[in-house]
Amino acid sequence: MLKPETFVTRWQEEVVANEPEFIRDDLLLTLCPPEVQVLAQIPEDSARFLVEAGMPTSCAPFLCFDKVGKGLPTLISVWRLEGVAGIDTNFLSRYHTLGSDGAGNPLCIDTEESGKVFMVDHDDAFRSRRLVASSVPQLAEALLIIHTQPHEHFRRLFEEIDPAACGADSFLPSEVATLIEEA
């Protein structure tokens, strides 16, 4: 499992240092405040990772992690869903937001599924989701692969670190495939 300090070093040396200066600010790592209560509800390695390493403000493939520094607010609070007809807020209360994808769908930690990271689809009233990564450290390692290896190798390399997140409907492999098509 990727350790926070290893990720920070590799991210700075292998990703940030190799990008044009105008992009570097977006790639800076944002830390989660250590006093955030939801950290006690996710696996210790993911909580530690968010506090000690953080996540980039934004990065390929069109991902934004702007909610990490804001303390992982609930999906309900970010989208102002309390009391909205047709929304199951009891079910959605398990999701704490890291950020979003390029379509604006929230990327969330599921506190009831061992801290797995999901993209929750806002187009169908938050009823469907796709697995992004089995943990925050595995997501961070996937981001390193995306930024340092040829995209054509992503699925094979990601499968080595997170086989559960490489299924037919998994999020990151399909997003990286889009990058390959657009190249």
C-alpha atoms as a PDB file:
ATOM      1  CA  MET A   1       0.000   0.000   0.000  1.00  0.00           C
ATOM      2  CA  LEU A   2       1.292   3.430  -0.957  1.00  0.00           C
ATOM      3  CA  LYS A   3       2.365   5.468   2.077  1.00  0.00           C
ATOM      4  CA  PRO A   4       1.472   9.194   2.295  1.00  0.00           C
ATOM      5  CA  GLU A   5       5.088  10.367   2.383  1.00  0.00           C
ATOM      6  CA  THR A   6       5.960   8.248  -0.659  1.00  0.00           C
ATOM      7  CA  PHE A   7       3.030   9.668  -2.594  1.00  0.00           C
ATOM      8  CA  VAL A   8       3.961  13.269  -1.729  1.00  0.00           C
ATOM      9  CA  THR A   9       7.565  12.763  -2.837  1.00  0.00           C
ATOM     10  CA  ARG A  10       6.651  10.967  -6.042  1.00  0.00           C
ATOM     11  CA  TRP A  11       3.835  13.414  -6.877  1.00  0.00           C
ATOM     12  CA  GLN A  12       6.163  16.398  -6.458  1.00  0.00           C
ATOM     13  CA  GLU A  13       9.126  14.862  -8.302  1.00  0.00           C
ATOM     14  CA  GLU A  14       7.400  12.870 -11.031  1.00  0.00           C
ATOM     15  CA  VAL A  15       4.281  14.903 -11.727  1.00  0.00           C
ATOM     16  CA  VAL A  16       4.397  18.519 -10.545  1.00  0.00           C
ATOM     17  CA  ALA A  17       8.044  19.129 -11.493  1.00  0.00           C
ATOM     18  CA  ASN A  18       7.400  17.889 -15.045  1.00  0.00           C
ATOM     19  CA  GLU A  19       4.388  20.066 -15.820  1.00  0.00           C
ATOM     20  CA  PRO A  20       4.379  23.606 -17.219  1.00  0.00           C
ATOM     21  CA  GLU A  21       4.347  26.274 -14.524  1.00  0.00           C
ATOM     22  CA  PHE A  22       0.797  27.437 -15.331  1.00  0.00           C
ATOM     23  CA  ILE A  23      -0.546  23.940 -14.488  1.00  0.00           C
ATOM     24  CA  ARG A  24       1.421  23.348 -11.290  1.00  0.00           C
ATOM     25  CA  ASP A  25      -0.982  25.183  -8.942  1.00  0.00           C
ATOM     26  CA  ASP A  26      -3.787  22.804  -9.909  1.00  0.00           C
ATOM     27  CA  LEU A  27      -1.577  19.835  -9.074  1.00  0.00           C
ATOM     28  CA  LEU A  28      -0.714  21.014  -5.568  1.00  0.00           C
ATOM     29  CA  LEU A  29      -1.810  18.645  -2.834  1.00  0.00           C
ATOM     30  CA  THR A  30      -4.606  19.755  -0.514  1.00  0.00           C
ATOM     31  CA  LEU A  31      -4.702  18.265   2.980  1.00  0.00           C
ATOM     32  CA  CYS A  32      -7.794  17.291   4.930  1.00  0.00           C
ATOM     33  CA  PRO A  33      -8.024  19.004   8.333  1.00  0.00           C
ATOM     34  CA  PRO A  34      -7.133  16.397  10.998  1.00  0.00           C
ATOM     35  CA  GLU A  35     -10.066  17.290  13.262  1.00  0.00           C
ATOM     36  CA  VAL A  36     -12.686  16.222  10.694  1.00  0.00           C
ATOM     37  CA  GLN A  37     -15.002  13.726  12.398  1.00  0.00           C
ATOM     38  CA  VAL A  38     -15.671  11.560   9.338  1.00  0.00           C
ATOM     39  CA  LEU A  39     -12.025  10.456   9.388  1.00  0.00           C
ATOM     40  CA  ALA A  40     -12.925   8.182  12.321  1.00  0.00           C
ATOM     41  CA  GLN A  41     -15.491   6.430  10.078  1.00  0.00           C
ATOM     42  CA  ILE A  42     -13.092   5.377   7.323  1.00  0.00           C
ATOM     43  CA  PRO A  43     -10.111   3.006   7.404  1.00  0.00           C
ATOM     44  CA  GLU A  44      -7.101   4.411   9.222  1.00  0.00           C
ATOM     45  CA  ASP A  45      -4.824   4.206   6.164  1.00  0.00           C
ATOM     46  CA  SER A  46      -7.234   6.338   4.106  1.00  0.00           C
ATOM     47  CA  ALA A  47      -7.742   8.858   6.916  1.00  0.00           C
ATOM     48  CA  ARG A  48      -4.005   9.146   7.482  1.00  0.00           C
ATOM     49  CA  PHE A  49      -3.432   9.541   3.755  1.00  0.00           C
ATOM     50  CA  LEU A  50      -5.894  12.432   3.463  1.00  0.00           C
ATOM     51  CA  VAL A  51      -4.398  14.249   6.468  1.00  0.00           C
ATOM     52  CA  GLU A  52      -0.711  13.669   5.680  1.00  0.00           C
ATOM     53  CA  ALA A  53      -0.586  13.604   1.870  1.00  0.00           C
ATOM     54  CA  GLY A  54      -3.924  14.939   0.662  1.00  0.00           C
ATOM     55  CA  MET A  55      -5.078  14.925  -2.919  1.00  0.00           C
ATOM     56  CA  PRO A  56      -4.309  17.205  -5.872  1.00  0.00           C
ATOM     57  CA  THR A  57      -6.609  20.165  -6.350  1.00  0.00           C
ATOM     58  CA  SER A  58      -7.266  18.864  -9.855  1.00  0.00           C
ATOM     59  CA  CYS A  59      -5.606  16.436 -12.236  1.00  0.00           C
ATOM     60  CA  ALA A  60      -6.164  14.075 -15.133  1.00  0.00           C
ATOM     61  CA  PRO A  61      -8.517  12.542 -16.057  1.00  0.00           C
ATOM     62  CA  PHE A  62     -10.638  15.655 -15.440  1.00  0.00           C
ATOM     63  CA  LEU A  63     -10.838  15.141 -11.680  1.00  0.00           C
ATOM     64  CA  CYS A  64     -11.190  17.757  -8.965  1.00  0.00           C
ATOM     65  CA  PHE A  65     -10.557  17.136  -5.265  1.00  0.00           C
ATOM     66  CA  ASP A  66     -11.629  20.534  -3.965  1.00  0.00           C
ATOM     67  CA  LYS A  67     -13.641  19.145  -1.029  1.00  0.00           C
ATOM     68  CA  VAL A  68     -10.671  17.454   0.681  1.00  0.00           C
ATOM     69  CA  GLY A  69      -9.457  20.725   2.201  1.00  0.00           C
ATOM     70  CA  LYS A  70     -13.021  21.556   3.216  1.00  0.00           C
ATOM     71  CA  GLY A  71     -13.225  18.508   5.453  1.00  0.00           C
ATOM     72  CA  LEU A  72     -15.020  15.964   3.239  1.00  0.00           C
ATOM     73  CA  PRO A  73     -18.543  17.395   3.501  1.00  0.00           C
ATOM     74  CA  THR A  74     -21.464  15.054   3.032  1.00  0.00           C
ATOM     75  CA  LEU A  75     -22.896  14.613  -0.433  1.00  0.00           C
ATOM     76  CA  ILE A  76     -26.194  15.848   0.989  1.00  0.00           C
ATOM     77  CA  SER A  77     -24.718  19.145   2.184  1.00  0.00           C
ATOM     78  CA  VAL A  78     -22.659  19.788  -0.979  1.00  0.00           C
ATOM     79  CA  TRP A  79     -25.674  19.252  -3.220  1.00  0.00           C
ATOM     80  CA  ARG A  80     -28.200  20.753  -0.749  1.00  0.00           C
ATOM     81  CA  LEU A  81     -30.363  17.632  -0.903  1.00  0.00           C
ATOM     82  CA  GLU A  82     -31.964  17.745   2.541  1.00  0.00           C
ATOM     83  CA  GLY A  83     -35.739  17.637   2.076  1.00  0.00           C
ATOM     84  CA  VAL A  84     -35.602  17.267  -1.719  1.00  0.00           C
ATOM     85  CA  ALA A  85     -38.418  15.042  -2.951  1.00  0.00           C
ATOM     86  CA  GLY A  86     -37.314  11.693  -4.381  1.00  0.00           C
ATOM     87  CA  ILE A  87     -33.878  11.786  -2.747  1.00  0.00           C
ATOM     88  CA  ASP A  88     -33.015   9.075  -0.222  1.00  0.00           C
ATOM     89  CA  THR A  89     -30.988  11.149   2.232  1.00  0.00           C
ATOM     90  CA  ASN A  90     -30.723   8.231   4.681  1.00  0.00           C
ATOM     91  CA  PHE A  91     -28.834   6.236   2.062  1.00  0.00           C
ATOM     92  CA  LEU A  92     -26.817   9.191   0.771  1.00  0.00           C
ATOM     93  CA  SER A  93     -25.613  10.201   4.246  1.00  0.00           C
ATOM     94  CA  ARG A  94     -22.915   7.520   3.943  1.00  0.00           C
ATOM     95  CA  TYR A  95     -21.122   9.499   1.192  1.00  0.00           C
ATOM     96  CA  HIS A  96     -18.541  12.167   1.995  1.00  0.00           C
ATOM     97  CA  THR A  97     -17.313  14.227  -0.922  1.00  0.00           C
ATOM     98  CA  LEU A  98     -13.703  14.385  -2.074  1.00  0.00           C
ATOM     99  CA  GLY A  99     -14.486  16.343  -5.243  1.00  0.00           C
ATOM    100  CA  SER A 100     -15.965  15.673  -8.656  1.00  0.00           C
ATOM    101  CA  ASP A 101     -15.339  14.345 -12.142  1.00  0.00           C
ATOM    102  CA  GLY A 102     -15.395  16.353 -15.352  1.00  0.00           C
ATOM    103  CA  ALA A 103     -19.177  15.997 -15.648  1.00  0.00           C
ATOM    104  CA  GLY A 104     -19.738  17.353 -12.142  1.00  0.00           C
ATOM    105  CA  ASN A 105     -20.544  13.977 -10.583  1.00  0.00           C
ATOM    106  CA  PRO A 106     -19.376  13.776  -6.975  1.00  0.00           C
ATOM    107  CA  LEU A 107     -16.442  11.566  -6.038  1.00  0.00           C
ATOM    108  CA  CYS A 108     -17.194  10.253  -2.574  1.00  0.00           C
ATOM    109  CA  ILE A 109     -15.843   8.081   0.197  1.00  0.00           C
ATOM    110  CA  ASP A 110     -18.433   5.544   1.317  1.00  0.00           C
ATOM    111  CA  THR A 111     -18.293   5.288   5.116  1.00  0.00           C
ATOM    112  CA  GLU A 112     -20.326   2.076   5.069  1.00  0.00           C
ATOM    113  CA  GLU A 113     -18.173   0.219   2.517  1.00  0.00           C
ATOM    114  CA  SER A 114     -14.742   0.387   4.115  1.00  0.00           C
ATOM    115  CA  GLY A 115     -13.865   3.761   2.643  1.00  0.00           C
ATOM    116  CA  LYS A 116     -14.228   2.787  -0.992  1.00  0.00           C
ATOM    117  CA  VAL A 117     -14.295   5.734  -3.385  1.00  0.00           C
ATOM    118  CA  PHE A 118     -17.263   5.997  -5.742  1.00  0.00           C
ATOM    119  CA  MET A 119     -18.458   8.345  -8.446  1.00  0.00           C
ATOM    120  CA  VAL A 120     -22.121   8.937  -7.616  1.00  0.00           C
ATOM    121  CA  ASP A 121     -24.110   9.837 -10.722  1.00  0.00           C
ATOM    122  CA  HIS A 122     -26.037  13.083 -10.313  1.00  0.00           C
ATOM    123  CA  ASP A 123     -27.905  12.593 -13.610  1.00  0.00           C
ATOM    124  CA  ASP A 124     -30.103   9.879 -12.113  1.00  0.00           C
ATOM    125  CA  ALA A 125     -30.789  11.565  -8.762  1.00  0.00           C
ATOM    126  CA  PHE A 126     -27.743   9.909  -7.108  1.00  0.00           C
ATOM    127  CA  ARG A 127     -29.164   6.385  -7.423  1.00  0.00           C
ATOM    128  CA  SER A 128     -26.248   4.819  -9.308  1.00  0.00           C
ATOM    129  CA  ARG A 129     -22.545   4.802  -8.666  1.00  0.00           C
ATOM    130  CA  ARG A 130     -19.310   3.474 -10.121  1.00  0.00           C
ATOM    131  CA  LEU A 131     -16.290   2.261  -8.212  1.00  0.00           C
ATOM    132  CA  VAL A 132     -13.320   4.602  -8.563  1.00  0.00           C
ATOM    133  CA  ALA A 133     -10.914   2.895  -6.137  1.00  0.00           C
ATOM    134  CA  SER A 134     -11.031   0.530  -3.188  1.00  0.00           C
ATOM    135  CA  SER A 135      -9.271   3.076  -0.955  1.00  0.00           C
ATOM    136  CA  VAL A 136      -7.782   6.558  -0.985  1.00  0.00           C
ATOM    137  CA  PRO A 137      -4.180   5.259  -1.184  1.00  0.00           C
ATOM    138  CA  GLN A 138      -5.116   3.092  -4.177  1.00  0.00           C
ATOM    139  CA  LEU A 139      -6.743   6.114  -5.837  1.00  0.00           C
ATOM    140  CA  ALA A 140      -3.579   8.143  -5.259  1.00  0.00           C
ATOM    141  CA  GLU A 141      -1.455   5.384  -6.758  1.00  0.00           C
ATOM    142  CA  ALA A 142      -3.775   5.293  -9.777  1.00  0.00           C
ATOM    143  CA  LEU A 143      -3.287   9.034 -10.245  1.00  0.00           C
ATOM    144  CA  LEU A 144       0.471   8.532 -10.250  1.00  0.00           C
ATOM    145  CA  ILE A 145       0.085   5.896 -12.964  1.00  0.00           C
ATOM    146  CA  ILE A 146      -2.116   8.190 -15.051  1.00  0.00           C
ATOM    147  CA  HIS A 147       0.424  11.006 -14.828  1.00  0.00           C
ATOM    148  CA  THR A 148       3.651   9.024 -15.220  1.00  0.00           C
ATOM    149  CA  GLN A 149       2.936   6.041 -17.488  1.00  0.00           C
ATOM    150  CA  PRO A 150       1.589   5.733 -21.032  1.00  0.00           C
ATOM    151  CA  HIS A 151      -2.217   5.657 -20.839  1.00  0.00           C
ATOM    152  CA  GLU A 152      -2.269   2.448 -22.857  1.00  0.00           C
ATOM    153  CA  HIS A 153      -0.689   0.668 -19.872  1.00  0.00           C
ATOM    154  CA  PHE A 154      -3.090   2.046 -17.266  1.00  0.00           C
ATOM    155  CA  ARG A 155      -5.541  -0.845 -16.983  1.00  0.00           C
ATOM    156  CA  ARG A 156      -2.790  -3.454 -16.583  1.00  0.00           C
ATOM    157  CA  LEU A 157      -0.888  -1.386 -13.998  1.00  0.00           C
ATOM    158  CA  PHE A 158      -4.012  -0.363 -12.082  1.00  0.00           C
ATOM    159  CA  GLU A 159      -5.215  -3.957 -12.015  1.00  0.00           C
ATOM    160  CA  GLU A 160      -2.044  -4.851 -10.104  1.00  0.00           C
ATOM    161  CA  ILE A 161      -2.829  -2.368  -7.317  1.00  0.00           C
ATOM    162  CA  ASP A 162      -6.643  -2.446  -7.272  1.00  0.00           C
ATOM    163  CA  PRO A 163      -8.191  -5.379  -9.183  1.00  0.00           C
ATOM    164  CA  ALA A 164     -11.657  -4.694  -7.743  1.00  0.00           C
ATOM    165  CA  ALA A 165     -11.683  -1.270  -9.406  1.00  0.00           C
ATOM    166  CA  CYS A 166     -10.883  -2.670 -12.849  1.00  0.00           C
ATOM    167  CA  GLY A 167     -14.224  -4.306 -13.636  1.00  0.00           C
ATOM    168  CA  ALA A 168     -16.200  -3.692 -16.805  1.00  0.00           C
ATOM    169  CA  ASP A 169     -18.087  -0.727 -15.326  1.00  0.00           C
ATOM    170  CA  SER A 170     -15.279   0.724 -13.219  1.00  0.00           C
ATOM    171  CA  PHE A 171     -14.702   4.445 -13.407  1.00  0.00           C
ATOM    172  CA  LEU A 172     -10.981   5.088 -13.902  1.00  0.00           C
ATOM    173  CA  PRO A 173     -10.314   2.569 -16.678  1.00  0.00           C
ATOM    174  CA  SER A 174     -13.129   4.043 -18.769  1.00  0.00           C
ATOM    175  CA  GLU A 175     -11.970   7.614 -18.076  1.00  0.00           C
ATOM    176  CA  VAL A 176      -8.414   6.776 -19.118  1.00  0.00           C
ATOM    177  CA  ALA A 177      -9.753   5.050 -22.243  1.00  0.00           C
ATOM    178  CA  THR A 178     -11.376   8.384 -23.119  1.00  0.00           C
ATOM    179  CA  LEU A 179      -7.979  10.088 -22.798  1.00  0.00           C
ATOM    180  CA  ILE A 180      -6.523   7.525 -25.205  1.00  0.00           C
ATOM    181  CA  GLU A 181      -9.319   8.113 -27.730  1.00  0.00           C
ATOM    182  CA  GLU A 182      -8.856  11.886 -27.558  1.00  0.00           C
ATOM    183  CA  ALA A 183      -5.074  11.697 -28.081  1.00  0.00           C
END
